[in-house]
C-alpha atoms as a PDB file:
ATOM      1  CA  MET A   1    -117.647  26.922 -15.042  1.00  0.00           C
ATOM      2  CA  ASP A   2    -120.952  28.731 -15.138  1.00  0.00           C
ATOM      3  CA  LYS A   3    -121.823  30.346 -11.807  1.00  0.00           C
ATOM      4  CA  LYS A   4    -125.292  28.785 -11.971  1.00  0.00           C
ATOM      5  CA  ASN A   5    -123.664  25.356 -11.422  1.00  0.00           C
ATOM      6  CA  ILE A   6    -122.027  26.362  -8.130  1.00  0.00           C
ATOM      7  CA  VAL A   7    -123.509  25.155  -4.841  1.00  0.00           C
ATOM      8  CA  LEU A   8    -122.680  26.390  -1.353  1.00  0.00           C
ATOM      9  CA  ASN A   9    -122.813  23.623   1.234  1.00  0.00           C
ATOM     10  CA  THR A  10    -123.599  25.153   4.619  1.00  0.00           C
ATOM     11  CA  LEU A  11    -120.341  23.711   5.969  1.00  0.00           C
ATOM     12  CA  VAL A  12    -118.753  26.860   4.542  1.00  0.00           C
ATOM     13  CA  PHE A  13    -120.621  28.665   7.343  1.00  0.00           C
ATOM     14  CA  ASN A  14    -119.318  26.343  10.057  1.00  0.00           C
ATOM     15  CA  GLN A  15    -118.225  29.251  12.250  1.00  0.00           C
ATOM     16  CA  GLN A  16    -121.705  30.748  12.075  1.00  0.00           C
ATOM     17  CA  HIS A  17    -123.154  27.337  12.935  1.00  0.00           C
ATOM     18  CA  ASP A  18    -120.879  27.132  15.977  1.00  0.00           C
ATOM     19  CA  ASN A  19    -122.201  30.557  16.975  1.00  0.00           C
ATOM     20  CA  GLY A  20    -125.777  29.259  16.867  1.00  0.00           C
ATOM     21  CA  GLU A  21    -126.897  30.595  13.493  1.00  0.00           C
ATOM     22  CA  SER A  22    -129.755  28.782  11.772  1.00  0.00           C
ATOM     23  CA  GLN A  23    -129.469  27.222   8.333  1.00  0.00           C
ATOM     24  CA  LEU A  24    -132.301  29.462   7.152  1.00  0.00           C
ATOM     25  CA  ASN A  25    -130.047  32.422   7.823  1.00  0.00           C
ATOM     26  CA  MET A  26    -127.225  30.629   6.026  1.00  0.00           C
ATOM     27  CA  LEU A  27    -129.466  30.320   2.967  1.00  0.00           C
ATOM     28  CA  LYS A  28    -129.875  34.086   3.073  1.00  0.00           C
ATOM     29  CA  ARG A  29    -126.085  34.323   2.995  1.00  0.00           C
ATOM     30  CA  VAL A  30    -125.999  31.999  -0.036  1.00  0.00           C
ATOM     31  CA  VAL A  31    -128.333  34.320  -1.928  1.00  0.00           C
ATOM     32  CA  ASN A  32    -126.172  37.315  -0.957  1.00  0.00           C
ATOM     33  CA  PHE A  33    -123.204  35.594  -2.635  1.00  0.00           C
ATOM     34  CA  GLY A  34    -125.233  35.474  -5.845  1.00  0.00           C
ATOM     35  CA  ILE A  35    -125.481  31.671  -5.721  1.00  0.00           C
ATOM     36  CA  GLN A  36    -128.718  29.890  -6.612  1.00  0.00           C
ATOM     37  CA  GLN A  37    -127.979  26.414  -5.231  1.00  0.00           C
ATOM     38  CA  ALA A  38    -127.382  25.401  -1.610  1.00  0.00           C
ATOM     39  CA  GLU A  39    -126.941  22.246   0.423  1.00  0.00           C
ATOM     40  CA  VAL A  40    -128.222  22.019   3.986  1.00  0.00           C
ATOM     41  CA  ARG A  41    -126.841  19.505   6.462  1.00  0.00           C
ATOM     42  CA  ARG A  42    -129.087  17.422   8.700  1.00  0.00           C
ATOM     43  CA  GLU A  43    -126.620  17.561  11.592  1.00  0.00           C
ATOM     44  CA  PHE A  44    -126.800  21.376  11.511  1.00  0.00           C
ATOM     45  CA  PHE A  45    -130.509  21.327  12.395  1.00  0.00           C
ATOM     46  CA  ASP A  46    -131.808  21.271  15.946  1.00  0.00           C
ATOM     47  CA  ASP A  47    -135.154  20.014  14.624  1.00  0.00           C
ATOM     48  CA  PRO A  48    -135.600  19.695  10.835  1.00  0.00           C
ATOM     49  CA  ALA A  49    -139.386  19.447  11.096  1.00  0.00           C
ATOM     50  CA  LYS A  50    -139.682  22.746  12.980  1.00  0.00           C
ATOM     51  CA  GLU A  51    -137.470  24.620  10.528  1.00  0.00           C
ATOM     52  CA  ALA A  52    -138.738  23.007   7.336  1.00  0.00           C
ATOM     53  CA  ASN A  53    -141.642  25.299   6.468  1.00  0.00           C
ATOM     54  CA  ASP A  54    -139.626  28.516   6.729  1.00  0.00           C
ATOM     55  CA  ILE A  55    -136.879  26.967   4.613  1.00  0.00           C
ATOM     56  CA  LYS A  56    -139.375  25.783   1.981  1.00  0.00           C
ATOM     57  CA  ASN A  57    -140.911  29.250   1.768  1.00  0.00           C
ATOM     58  CA  PHE A  58    -137.475  30.860   1.390  1.00  0.00           C
ATOM     59  CA  VAL A  59    -136.391  28.333  -1.238  1.00  0.00           C
ATOM     60  CA  SER A  60    -139.576  28.959  -3.214  1.00  0.00           C
ATOM     61  CA  GLU A  61    -139.372  32.737  -2.929  1.00  0.00           C
ATOM     62  CA  HIS A  62    -135.743  32.870  -4.091  1.00  0.00           C
ATOM     63  CA  GLN A  63    -135.954  29.969  -6.556  1.00  0.00           C
ATOM     64  CA  LEU A  64    -133.104  28.139  -4.861  1.00  0.00           C
ATOM     65  CA  LYS A  65    -132.268  24.562  -5.742  1.00  0.00           C
ATOM     66  CA  LEU A  66    -131.787  22.801  -2.415  1.00  0.00           C
ATOM     67  CA  PHE A  67    -129.709  19.704  -1.684  1.00  0.00           C
ATOM     68  CA  TYR A  68    -129.968  17.735   1.583  1.00  0.00           C
ATOM     69  CA  SER A  69    -126.960  16.046   3.181  1.00  0.00           C
ATOM     70  CA  VAL A  70    -127.987  13.222   5.524  1.00  0.00           C
ATOM     71  CA  PRO A  71    -124.944  11.758   7.356  1.00  0.00           C
ATOM     72  CA  GLU A  72    -126.604   8.382   7.827  1.00  0.00           C
ATOM     73  CA  THR A  73    -126.466   5.076   5.975  1.00  0.00           C
ATOM     74  CA  ILE A  74    -129.042   3.458   3.697  1.00  0.00           C
ATOM     75  CA  PHE A  75    -128.327   0.077   5.269  1.00  0.00           C
ATOM     76  CA  THR A  76    -127.683  -0.709   8.916  1.00  0.00           C
ATOM     77  CA  ASP A  77    -124.559  -2.586  10.002  1.00  0.00           C
ATOM     78  CA  ASN A  78    -126.418  -5.913   9.798  1.00  0.00           C
ATOM     79  CA  GLY A  79    -127.746  -5.224   6.297  1.00  0.00           C
ATOM     80  CA  ASP A  80    -131.276  -4.089   7.089  1.00  0.00           C
ATOM     81  CA  LEU A  81    -132.811  -1.058   5.428  1.00  0.00           C
ATOM     82  CA  ASN A  82    -132.451   2.013   7.624  1.00  0.00           C
ATOM     83  CA  PRO A  83    -135.873   2.391   9.308  1.00  0.00           C
ATOM     84  CA  GLU A  84    -135.508   6.194   9.225  1.00  0.00           C
ATOM     85  CA  LEU A  85    -135.291   6.437   5.423  1.00  0.00           C
ATOM     86  CA  SER A  86    -138.892   7.544   5.105  1.00  0.00           C
ATOM     87  CA  THR A  87    -138.267  10.228   7.746  1.00  0.00           C
ATOM     88  CA  TYR A  88    -135.322  11.667   5.830  1.00  0.00           C
ATOM     89  CA  PHE A  89    -137.307  11.844   2.591  1.00  0.00           C
ATOM     90  CA  ALA A  90    -140.285  13.393   4.382  1.00  0.00           C
ATOM     91  CA  GLU A  91    -137.970  16.046   5.823  1.00  0.00           C
ATOM     92  CA  ALA A  92    -136.540  16.687   2.380  1.00  0.00           C
ATOM     93  CA  LYS A  93    -139.980  17.061   0.824  1.00  0.00           C
ATOM     94  CA  SER A  94    -141.136  19.429   3.563  1.00  0.00           C
ATOM     95  CA  MET A  95    -138.123  21.699   2.897  1.00  0.00           C
ATOM     96  CA  GLY A  96    -138.481  21.775  -0.884  1.00  0.00           C
ATOM     97  CA  VAL A  97    -135.343  19.701  -1.416  1.00  0.00           C
ATOM     98  CA  SER A  98    -134.475  18.546  -4.952  1.00  0.00           C
ATOM     99  CA  SER A  99    -131.686  16.089  -4.138  1.00  0.00           C
ATOM    100  CA  LEU A 100    -130.799  13.962  -1.083  1.00  0.00           C
ATOM    101  CA  LYS A 101    -127.556  12.117  -0.421  1.00  0.00           C
ATOM    102  CA  MET A 102    -126.554   9.491   2.131  1.00  0.00           C
ATOM    103  CA  ASN A 103    -123.833   6.898   2.681  1.00  0.00           C
ATOM    104  CA  ILE A 104    -124.229   3.263   1.711  1.00  0.00           C
ATOM    105  CA  GLY A 105    -123.674   1.370   4.967  1.00  0.00           C
ATOM    106  CA  GLY A 106    -123.934  -2.410   5.336  1.00  0.00           C
ATOM    107  CA  PHE A 107    -124.965  -3.279   1.803  1.00  0.00           C
ATOM    108  CA  ASP A 108    -122.605  -6.261   1.824  1.00  0.00           C
ATOM    109  CA  LYS A 109    -124.928  -7.929   4.344  1.00  0.00           C
ATOM    110  CA  PHE A 110    -128.191  -7.026   2.597  1.00  0.00           C
ATOM    111  CA  SER A 111    -129.993 -10.160   1.392  1.00  0.00           C
ATOM    112  CA  GLY A 112    -133.333  -8.822   0.137  1.00  0.00           C
ATOM    113  CA  ASP A 113    -134.555  -7.555  -3.217  1.00  0.00           C
ATOM    114  CA  LEU A 114    -132.844  -4.228  -3.835  1.00  0.00           C
ATOM    115  CA  HIS A 115    -135.455  -2.893  -6.245  1.00  0.00           C
ATOM    116  CA  SER A 116    -138.305  -3.564  -3.833  1.00  0.00           C
ATOM    117  CA  ALA A 117    -136.377  -2.104  -0.907  1.00  0.00           C
ATOM    118  CA  LEU A 118    -135.441   1.202  -2.534  1.00  0.00           C
ATOM    119  CA  ARG A 119    -137.922   1.735  -5.372  1.00  0.00           C
ATOM    120  CA  GLU A 120    -140.075   4.132  -3.332  1.00  0.00           C
ATOM    121  CA  TYR A 121    -137.102   6.443  -2.801  1.00  0.00           C
ATOM    122  CA  ALA A 122    -135.395   6.055  -6.154  1.00  0.00           C
ATOM    123  CA  GLU A 123    -138.647   6.905  -7.967  1.00  0.00           C
ATOM    124  CA  SER A 124    -139.615   9.845  -5.773  1.00  0.00           C
ATOM    125  CA  ASP A 125    -139.473  13.461  -6.943  1.00  0.00           C
ATOM    126  CA  ILE A 126    -136.268  13.849  -4.927  1.00  0.00           C
ATOM    127  CA  GLU A 127    -133.034  12.760  -6.598  1.00  0.00           C
ATOM    128  CA  PHE A 128    -131.321  10.054  -4.533  1.00  0.00           C
ATOM    129  CA  ASN A 129    -127.519   9.804  -4.373  1.00  0.00           C
ATOM    130  CA  VAL A 130    -124.790   8.165  -2.319  1.00  0.00           C
ATOM    131  CA  GLU A 131    -121.475   9.790  -1.422  1.00  0.00           C
ATOM    132  CA  ASN A 132    -117.975   8.636  -0.545  1.00  0.00           C
ATOM    133  CA  ASP A 133    -117.181   9.433   3.065  1.00  0.00           C
ATOM    134  CA  GLN A 134    -113.896   9.026   4.943  1.00  0.00           C
ATOM    135  CA  SER A 135    -114.377   5.321   5.797  1.00  0.00           C
ATOM    136  CA  ILE A 136    -113.433   2.241   3.780  1.00  0.00           C
ATOM    137  CA  ALA A 137    -116.947   0.822   4.029  1.00  0.00           C
ATOM    138  CA  ASN A 138    -118.589   3.867   2.468  1.00  0.00           C
ATOM    139  CA  GLY A 139    -115.650   5.560   0.818  1.00  0.00           C
ATOM    140  CA  SER A 140    -113.693   2.973  -1.187  1.00  0.00           C
ATOM    141  CA  THR A 141    -114.144   2.781  -4.952  1.00  0.00           C
ATOM    142  CA  LYS A 142    -114.691  -0.980  -4.738  1.00  0.00           C
ATOM    143  CA  ASN A 143    -117.561  -0.774  -2.258  1.00  0.00           C
ATOM    144  CA  ILE A 144    -119.197   2.185  -3.983  1.00  0.00           C
ATOM    145  CA  LEU A 145    -119.093   0.518  -7.397  1.00  0.00           C
ATOM    146  CA  LYS A 146    -120.526  -2.685  -5.950  1.00  0.00           C
ATOM    147  CA  PHE A 147    -123.599  -0.797  -4.754  1.00  0.00           C
ATOM    148  CA  LEU A 148    -123.987   1.451  -7.795  1.00  0.00           C
ATOM    149  CA  ASN A 149    -123.690  -1.496 -10.186  1.00  0.00           C
ATOM    150  CA  ALA A 150    -126.303  -3.380  -8.183  1.00  0.00           C
ATOM    151  CA  ALA A 151    -128.627  -0.362  -8.216  1.00  0.00           C
ATOM    152  CA  GLU A 152    -128.222  -0.019 -11.969  1.00  0.00           C
ATOM    153  CA  LYS A 153    -128.974  -3.722 -12.540  1.00  0.00           C
ATOM    154  CA  SER A 154    -132.059  -3.323 -10.343  1.00  0.00           C
ATOM    155  CA  ASN A 155    -133.275  -0.367 -12.445  1.00  0.00           C
ATOM    156  CA  LEU A 156    -132.917   2.056  -9.555  1.00  0.00           C
ATOM    157  CA  ASP A 157    -132.115   5.690 -10.272  1.00  0.00           C
ATOM    158  CA  ILE A 158    -129.526   6.082  -7.522  1.00  0.00           C
ATOM    159  CA  LYS A 159    -126.262   7.754  -8.522  1.00  0.00           C
ATOM    160  CA  PHE A 160    -123.169   9.307  -6.970  1.00  0.00           C
ATOM    161  CA  VAL A 161    -121.887  12.432  -5.240  1.00  0.00           C
ATOM    162  CA  PHE A 162    -118.141  12.601  -5.902  1.00  0.00           C
ATOM    163  CA  ASP A 163    -116.433  14.115  -2.842  1.00  0.00           C
ATOM    164  CA  LEU A 164    -113.026  15.228  -4.036  1.00  0.00           C
ATOM    165  CA  GLY A 165    -111.495  15.580  -0.584  1.00  0.00           C
ATOM    166  CA  ASN A 166    -112.338  12.197   0.912  1.00  0.00           C
ATOM    167  CA  TRP A 167    -110.297   9.794  -1.232  1.00  0.00           C
ATOM    168  CA  ARG A 168    -107.023  10.479   0.572  1.00  0.00           C
ATOM    169  CA  PHE A 169    -108.685   9.399   3.834  1.00  0.00           C
ATOM    170  CA  VAL A 170    -109.097   5.889   2.380  1.00  0.00           C
ATOM    171  CA  ASN A 171    -105.669   5.884   0.692  1.00  0.00           C
ATOM    172  CA  GLU A 172    -107.034   6.227  -2.829  1.00  0.00           C
ATOM    173  CA  ASN A 173    -106.150   8.660  -5.589  1.00  0.00           C
ATOM    174  CA  GLU A 174    -108.965  11.019  -6.541  1.00  0.00           C
ATOM    175  CA  LEU A 175    -108.044  10.993 -10.245  1.00  0.00           C
ATOM    176  CA  ASP A 176    -108.249   7.201 -10.433  1.00  0.00           C
ATOM    177  CA  ALA A 177    -111.543   7.337  -8.545  1.00  0.00           C
ATOM    178  CA  ALA A 178    -112.861   9.958 -10.953  1.00  0.00           C
ATOM    179  CA  LYS A 179    -112.113   7.715 -13.924  1.00  0.00           C
ATOM    180  CA  SER A 180    -113.926   4.777 -12.307  1.00  0.00           C
ATOM    181  CA  LEU A 181    -116.947   6.679 -11.000  1.00  0.00           C
ATOM    182  CA  SER A 182    -117.463   9.313 -13.681  1.00  0.00           C
ATOM    183  CA  PRO A 183    -120.323   7.370 -15.363  1.00  0.00           C
ATOM    184  CA  TYR A 184    -122.332   7.454 -12.129  1.00  0.00           C
ATOM    185  CA  THR A 185    -121.491  10.967 -10.947  1.00  0.00           C
ATOM    186  CA  ARG A 186    -124.157  13.679 -11.015  1.00  0.00           C
ATOM    187  CA  TYR A 187    -123.001  16.017  -8.229  1.00  0.00           C
ATOM    188  CA  ILE A 188    -119.512  17.025  -7.059  1.00  0.00           C
ATOM    189  CA  HIS A 189    -118.141  18.299  -3.735  1.00  0.00           C
ATOM    190  CA  VAL A 190    -114.836  20.155  -3.922  1.00  0.00           C
ATOM    191  CA  LYS A 191    -112.254  20.835  -1.227  1.00  0.00           C
ATOM    192  CA  ASN A 192    -108.574  20.075  -0.794  1.00  0.00           C
ATOM    193  CA  ASP A 193    -106.389  18.130   1.637  1.00  0.00           C
ATOM    194  CA  VAL A 194    -103.066  18.623   3.323  1.00  0.00           C
ATOM    195  CA  LEU A 195    -101.067  15.568   4.369  1.00  0.00           C
ATOM    196  CA  GLY A 196     -98.457  14.903   7.018  1.00  0.00           C
ATOM    197  CA  GLY A 197    -100.430  14.301  10.195  1.00  0.00           C
ATOM    198  CA  THR A 198    -102.079  11.097  11.389  1.00  0.00           C
ATOM    199  CA  LYS A 199    -104.738  11.658   8.702  1.00  0.00           C
ATOM    200  CA  PRO A 200    -105.374  14.206   5.948  1.00  0.00           C
ATOM    201  CA  GLN A 201    -106.794  17.587   6.888  1.00  0.00           C
ATOM    202  CA  VAL A 202    -109.462  19.279   4.770  1.00  0.00           C
ATOM    203  CA  VAL A 203    -108.534  22.765   3.548  1.00  0.00           C
ATOM    204  CA  SER A 204    -109.706  25.338   1.005  1.00  0.00           C
ATOM    205  CA  LEU A 205    -109.798  24.520  -2.674  1.00  0.00           C
ATOM    206  CA  ASP A 206    -106.483  26.041  -3.768  1.00  0.00           C
ATOM    207  CA  THR A 207    -104.482  24.910  -0.723  1.00  0.00           C
ATOM    208  CA  GLY A 208    -103.265  21.311  -0.592  1.00  0.00           C
ATOM    209  CA  VAL A 209    -102.176  18.338  -2.644  1.00  0.00           C
ATOM    210  CA  ILE A 210    -105.248  17.601  -4.778  1.00  0.00           C
ATOM    211  CA  ASP A 211    -105.136  18.497  -8.472  1.00  0.00           C
ATOM    212  CA  TRP A 212    -108.781  19.544  -8.514  1.00  0.00           C
ATOM    213  CA  HIS A 213    -108.528  21.010 -12.018  1.00  0.00           C
ATOM    214  CA  SER A 214    -107.624  17.592 -13.436  1.00  0.00           C
ATOM    215  CA  ALA A 215    -110.338  15.873 -11.419  1.00  0.00           C
ATOM    216  CA  LEU A 216    -112.991  18.198 -12.803  1.00  0.00           C
ATOM    217  CA  GLU A 217    -111.680  17.565 -16.301  1.00  0.00           C
ATOM    218  CA  ILE A 218    -112.260  13.825 -15.854  1.00  0.00           C
ATOM    219  CA  LEU A 219    -115.719  14.128 -14.301  1.00  0.00           C
ATOM    220  CA  PRO A 220    -118.827  15.021 -16.336  1.00  0.00           C
ATOM    221  CA  LYS A 221    -119.292  18.687 -17.217  1.00  0.00           C
ATOM    222  CA  ASN A 222    -122.213  20.964 -16.311  1.00  0.00           C
ATOM    223  CA  LEU A 223    -122.909  19.231 -13.007  1.00  0.00           C
ATOM    224  CA  PRO A 224    -123.628  21.056  -9.748  1.00  0.00           C
ATOM    225  CA  VAL A 225    -120.333  21.608  -7.899  1.00  0.00           C
ATOM    226  CA  ALA A 226    -120.370  22.462  -4.187  1.00  0.00           C
ATOM    227  CA  LEU A 227    -117.786  24.248  -2.079  1.00  0.00           C
ATOM    228  CA  GLU A 228    -117.693  22.173   1.108  1.00  0.00           C
ATOM    229  CA  TYR A 229    -115.149  23.362   3.652  1.00  0.00           C
ATOM    230  CA  PRO A 230    -115.248  25.907   6.496  1.00  0.00           C
ATOM    231  CA  ALA A 231    -114.464  29.327   5.053  1.00  0.00           C
ATOM    232  CA  SER A 232    -114.559  33.061   5.633  1.00  0.00           C
ATOM    233  CA  ASP A 233    -116.551  35.297   3.293  1.00  0.00           C
ATOM    234  CA  ASP A 234    -113.366  36.197   1.425  1.00  0.00           C
ATOM    235  CA  GLU A 235    -112.459  32.512   1.056  1.00  0.00           C
ATOM    236  CA  ILE A 236    -115.954  31.714  -0.223  1.00  0.00           C
ATOM    237  CA  ASN A 237    -115.723  34.456  -2.835  1.00  0.00           C
ATOM    238  CA  HIS A 238    -112.262  33.206  -3.798  1.00  0.00           C
ATOM    239  CA  GLY A 239    -113.559  29.639  -4.131  1.00  0.00           C
ATOM    240  CA  ILE A 240    -116.418  30.839  -6.327  1.00  0.00           C
ATOM    241  CA  ASP A 241    -113.950  32.731  -8.526  1.00  0.00           C
ATOM    242  CA  LEU A 242    -111.690  29.674  -8.803  1.00  0.00           C
ATOM    243  CA  LEU A 243    -114.564  27.535 -10.039  1.00  0.00           C
ATOM    244  CA  ILE A 244    -115.857  30.161 -12.467  1.00  0.00           C
ATOM    245  CA  ASN A 245    -112.387  30.547 -13.949  1.00  0.00           C
ATOM    246  CA  ASN A 246    -111.548  26.837 -14.007  1.00  0.00           C
END
């Protein structure tokens, strides 16, 4: 894998976050690793609006491609469009974000016109994706394909972030999921899982039960691939090396 395709999700700096470090400072760390793509997490901000301008200036100065992880749903539990969607996209624009991802939510109860509801966001300058989380509603292949197929039929440019480490949480196999969702995938999160407790536990890329090499073989090539698990500097460098040498 070319190093230019590697993304560092700020979850790798979870310890620094717990110590009160800002995501702007984490972006400085990303650059120091020689990586040119980063993903910031909305839940890591105290106030996205207050931090946005400094992040945008840094992103511009260092020519970073910036992804935005929003741990919210497009649809509310009763099937309405999330009223905060415009806020999330405004935050993304103010930070210089290129790509935003969310979870699907209560699409099964949505009864409106999908194209009209989401056209503004799907046709914006910011790429719009959904991701599989660790719940059946948002993380099962069946539910994800239902939404992505509907978006495609509605001529909406909304695609998929394939999170390698979340399939075991919904009792699915990541290789089967990769085969089903490969046509829609345009961004990949990598991590690994260990089993044996009440639920899987996320671990570093080369520790656990997931055959990540095979998963990446199935998924489209030359996509951005993010390391997304808490890690030390040595573990981050090791993860980068693993991806480069994959």
